[in-house]
C-alpha atoms as a PDB file:
ATOM      1  CA  MET A   1      79.450 -32.831-110.037  1.00  0.00           C
ATOM      2  CA  PRO A   2      82.381 -32.267-112.110  1.00  0.00           C
ATOM      3  CA  ARG A   3      85.505 -34.632-111.992  1.00  0.00           C
ATOM      4  CA  SER A   4      88.307 -33.438-109.920  1.00  0.00           C
ATOM      5  CA  VAL A   5      91.863 -34.381-111.154  1.00  0.00           C
ATOM      6  CA  ASN A   6      94.791 -33.245-108.966  1.00  0.00           C
ATOM      7  CA  HIS A   7      97.217 -32.060-111.689  1.00  0.00           C
ATOM      8  CA  VAL A   8      99.238 -30.416-109.214  1.00  0.00           C
ATOM      9  CA  ALA A   9     100.241 -33.625-107.540  1.00  0.00           C
ATOM     10  CA  SER A  10     100.630 -35.793-110.549  1.00  0.00           C
ATOM     11  CA  LYS A  11     102.801 -33.043-112.275  1.00  0.00           C
ATOM     12  CA  ALA A  12     105.011 -32.765-109.186  1.00  0.00           C
ATOM     13  CA  ARG A  13     105.339 -36.784-109.103  1.00  0.00           C
ATOM     14  CA  ARG A  14     106.575 -36.625-112.758  1.00  0.00           C
ATOM     15  CA  LYS A  15     108.817 -33.771-112.150  1.00  0.00           C
ATOM     16  CA  LYS A  16     110.382 -35.556-109.327  1.00  0.00           C
ATOM     17  CA  THR A  17     111.148 -38.508-111.715  1.00  0.00           C
ATOM     18  CA  LEU A  18     112.387 -36.475-114.578  1.00  0.00           C
ATOM     19  CA  LYS A  19     114.994 -34.683-112.153  1.00  0.00           C
ATOM     20  CA  LEU A  20     116.278 -38.041-110.906  1.00  0.00           C
ATOM     21  CA  ALA A  21     116.576 -38.936-114.869  1.00  0.00           C
ATOM     22  CA  LYS A  22     118.695 -35.609-115.434  1.00  0.00           C
ATOM     23  CA  GLY A  23     121.980 -36.731-117.122  1.00  0.00           C
ATOM     24  CA  TYR A  24     120.516 -39.691-118.862  1.00  0.00           C
ATOM     25  CA  PHE A  25     121.021 -39.982-122.712  1.00  0.00           C
ATOM     26  CA  GLY A  26     118.561 -39.460-125.351  1.00  0.00           C
ATOM     27  CA  ARG A  27     114.712 -39.891-124.555  1.00  0.00           C
ATOM     28  CA  ARG A  28     115.373 -41.528-121.151  1.00  0.00           C
ATOM     29  CA  LYS A  29     115.876 -37.826-119.663  1.00  0.00           C
ATOM     30  CA  ASN A  30     112.654 -36.150-120.842  1.00  0.00           C
ATOM     31  CA  VAL A  31     110.041 -38.661-122.006  1.00  0.00           C
ATOM     32  CA  TRP A  32     107.961 -39.635-118.930  1.00  0.00           C
ATOM     33  CA  THR A  33     107.364 -43.109-119.618  1.00  0.00           C
ATOM     34  CA  VAL A  34     111.029 -43.993-120.736  1.00  0.00           C
ATOM     35  CA  ALA A  35     112.448 -41.987-117.994  1.00  0.00           C
ATOM     36  CA  LYS A  36     110.276 -43.687-115.345  1.00  0.00           C
ATOM     37  CA  ASN A  37     111.375 -47.156-116.418  1.00  0.00           C
ATOM     38  CA  ALA A  38     115.143 -46.037-116.604  1.00  0.00           C
ATOM     39  CA  VAL A  39     114.922 -44.339-113.053  1.00  0.00           C
ATOM     40  CA  GLU A  40     113.305 -47.465-111.524  1.00  0.00           C
ATOM     41  CA  LYS A  41     115.923 -49.563-113.049  1.00  0.00           C
ATOM     42  CA  GLY A  42     118.640 -47.299-111.889  1.00  0.00           C
ATOM     43  CA  LEU A  43     117.453 -47.064-108.229  1.00  0.00           C
ATOM     44  CA  THR A  44     117.096 -51.032-108.197  1.00  0.00           C
ATOM     45  CA  TYR A  45     120.783 -51.347-109.251  1.00  0.00           C
ATOM     46  CA  ALA A  46     121.793 -48.623-106.758  1.00  0.00           C
ATOM     47  CA  TYR A  47     120.130 -50.580-103.977  1.00  0.00           C
ATOM     48  CA  ARG A  48     121.677 -53.777-104.999  1.00  0.00           C
ATOM     49  CA  ASP A  49     125.123 -52.468-105.591  1.00  0.00           C
ATOM     50  CA  ARG A  50     125.231 -50.690-102.300  1.00  0.00           C
ATOM     51  CA  ARG A  51     125.587 -54.365-100.883  1.00  0.00           C
ATOM     52  CA  THR A  52     127.745 -55.719-103.419  1.00  0.00           C
ATOM     53  CA  LYS A  53     130.288 -52.785-102.891  1.00  0.00           C
ATOM     54  CA  LYS A  54     130.596 -54.061 -99.221  1.00  0.00           C
ATOM     55  CA  ARG A  55     131.519 -57.500-100.618  1.00  0.00           C
ATOM     56  CA  GLU A  56     134.024 -56.240-103.431  1.00  0.00           C
ATOM     57  CA  MET A  57     135.845 -54.054-100.800  1.00  0.00           C
ATOM     58  CA  ARG A  58     136.133 -57.180 -98.419  1.00  0.00           C
ATOM     59  CA  ALA A  59     137.584 -59.237-101.309  1.00  0.00           C
ATOM     60  CA  LEU A  60     140.157 -56.478-102.110  1.00  0.00           C
ATOM     61  CA  TRP A  61     141.183 -56.188 -98.482  1.00  0.00           C
ATOM     62  CA  ILE A  62     141.746 -60.057 -98.296  1.00  0.00           C
ATOM     63  CA  MET A  63     143.779 -59.942-101.593  1.00  0.00           C
ATOM     64  CA  ARG A  64     146.064 -57.231-100.247  1.00  0.00           C
ATOM     65  CA  ILE A  65     146.494 -59.101 -96.864  1.00  0.00           C
ATOM     66  CA  ASN A  66     147.314 -62.253 -98.827  1.00  0.00           C
ATOM     67  CA  ALA A  67     149.724 -60.661-101.204  1.00  0.00           C
ATOM     68  CA  ALA A  68     151.374 -59.107 -98.078  1.00  0.00           C
ATOM     69  CA  CYS A  69     151.423 -62.355 -96.350  1.00  0.00           C
ATOM     70  CA  ARG A  70     152.842 -64.370 -99.313  1.00  0.00           C
ATOM     71  CA  GLU A  71     155.895 -61.918 -99.639  1.00  0.00           C
ATOM     72  CA  LEU A  72     156.396 -63.006 -95.949  1.00  0.00           C
ATOM     73  CA  GLY A  73     156.170 -66.612 -96.695  1.00  0.00           C
ATOM     74  CA  ILE A  74     152.868 -67.528 -95.114  1.00  0.00           C
ATOM     75  CA  SER A  75     149.337 -67.819 -96.787  1.00  0.00           C
ATOM     76  CA  TYR A  76     146.429 -65.518 -95.785  1.00  0.00           C
ATOM     77  CA  SER A  77     144.436 -68.271 -93.992  1.00  0.00           C
ATOM     78  CA  GLN A  78     147.286 -69.480 -91.927  1.00  0.00           C
ATOM     79  CA  PHE A  79     148.039 -65.827 -90.793  1.00  0.00           C
ATOM     80  CA  MET A  80     144.231 -65.178 -90.232  1.00  0.00           C
ATOM     81  CA  GLY A  81     144.270 -68.391 -88.139  1.00  0.00           C
ATOM     82  CA  LYS A  82     147.147 -67.072 -85.926  1.00  0.00           C
ATOM     83  CA  LEU A  83     145.994 -63.495 -85.874  1.00  0.00           C
ATOM     84  CA  ASN A  84     142.571 -64.943 -84.392  1.00  0.00           C
ATOM     85  CA  ALA A  85     144.395 -67.097 -81.829  1.00  0.00           C
ATOM     86  CA  SER A  86     146.414 -64.155 -80.608  1.00  0.00           C
ATOM     87  CA  PRO A  87     145.231 -61.582 -78.126  1.00  0.00           C
ATOM     88  CA  LEU A  88     145.112 -58.946 -80.980  1.00  0.00           C
ATOM     89  CA  SER A  89     141.934 -57.885 -82.477  1.00  0.00           C
ATOM     90  CA  ILE A  90     142.560 -55.875 -85.734  1.00  0.00           C
ATOM     91  CA  ASN A  91     140.015 -55.926 -88.708  1.00  0.00           C
ATOM     92  CA  ARG A  92     140.813 -56.669 -92.429  1.00  0.00           C
ATOM     93  CA  LYS A  93     140.219 -53.015 -93.536  1.00  0.00           C
ATOM     94  CA  THR A  94     143.186 -51.755 -91.283  1.00  0.00           C
ATOM     95  CA  LEU A  95     145.413 -54.867 -91.962  1.00  0.00           C
ATOM     96  CA  ALA A  96     145.018 -54.139 -95.588  1.00  0.00           C
ATOM     97  CA  ASP A  97     145.758 -50.533 -95.251  1.00  0.00           C
ATOM     98  CA  LEU A  98     148.799 -51.419 -93.224  1.00  0.00           C
ATOM     99  CA  ALA A  99     149.841 -53.906 -95.883  1.00  0.00           C
ATOM    100  CA  ALA A 100     149.454 -51.474 -98.582  1.00  0.00           C
ATOM    101  CA  ASN A 101     150.818 -48.182 -97.132  1.00  0.00           C
ATOM    102  CA  ASP A 102     153.091 -49.162 -94.251  1.00  0.00           C
ATOM    103  CA  PRO A 103     154.773 -52.640 -95.132  1.00  0.00           C
ATOM    104  CA  GLN A 104     157.223 -52.156 -92.309  1.00  0.00           C
ATOM    105  CA  GLY A 105     154.272 -51.868 -89.982  1.00  0.00           C
ATOM    106  CA  PHE A 106     152.672 -54.810 -91.347  1.00  0.00           C
ATOM    107  CA  LYS A 107     155.813 -56.792 -91.127  1.00  0.00           C
ATOM    108  CA  ALA A 108     156.107 -56.000 -87.219  1.00  0.00           C
ATOM    109  CA  LEU A 109     152.562 -56.887 -86.791  1.00  0.00           C
ATOM    110  CA  PHE A 110     153.194 -60.057 -88.634  1.00  0.00           C
ATOM    111  CA  ASP A 111     156.199 -61.104 -86.370  1.00  0.00           C
ATOM    112  CA  THR A 112     154.241 -60.370 -83.279  1.00  0.00           C
ATOM    113  CA  VAL A 113     151.389 -62.511 -84.499  1.00  0.00           C
ATOM    114  CA  VAL A 114     153.289 -65.511 -86.073  1.00  0.00           C
ATOM    115  CA  LYS A 115     156.412 -65.662 -83.924  1.00  0.00           C
ATOM    116  CA  GLY A 116     155.152 -64.227 -80.677  1.00  0.00           C
END
């Protein structure tokens, strides 16, 4: 019995990987073995950095809140401690947006948390 090789499936698999390598430079975009390695590494980085992005955004929010708090004469940790003790529940993303785009609104919130 002759050997049966499924060229349709293997070509489709290679085509799928080469499509993912579109836009890469040099042999990384059109040579199968090089493209396969580049795509695998790229997908690994993408998976890892989707998680890293969340960490970096939270760090950015904390920096913005800290800068706004320091202008008003208190540290970030003291402000967050008082905010958690108060009945208000507001997340860091919203606080950072207020601090960056609406300083008067942040000051009003700050006064209610710290003085009230």
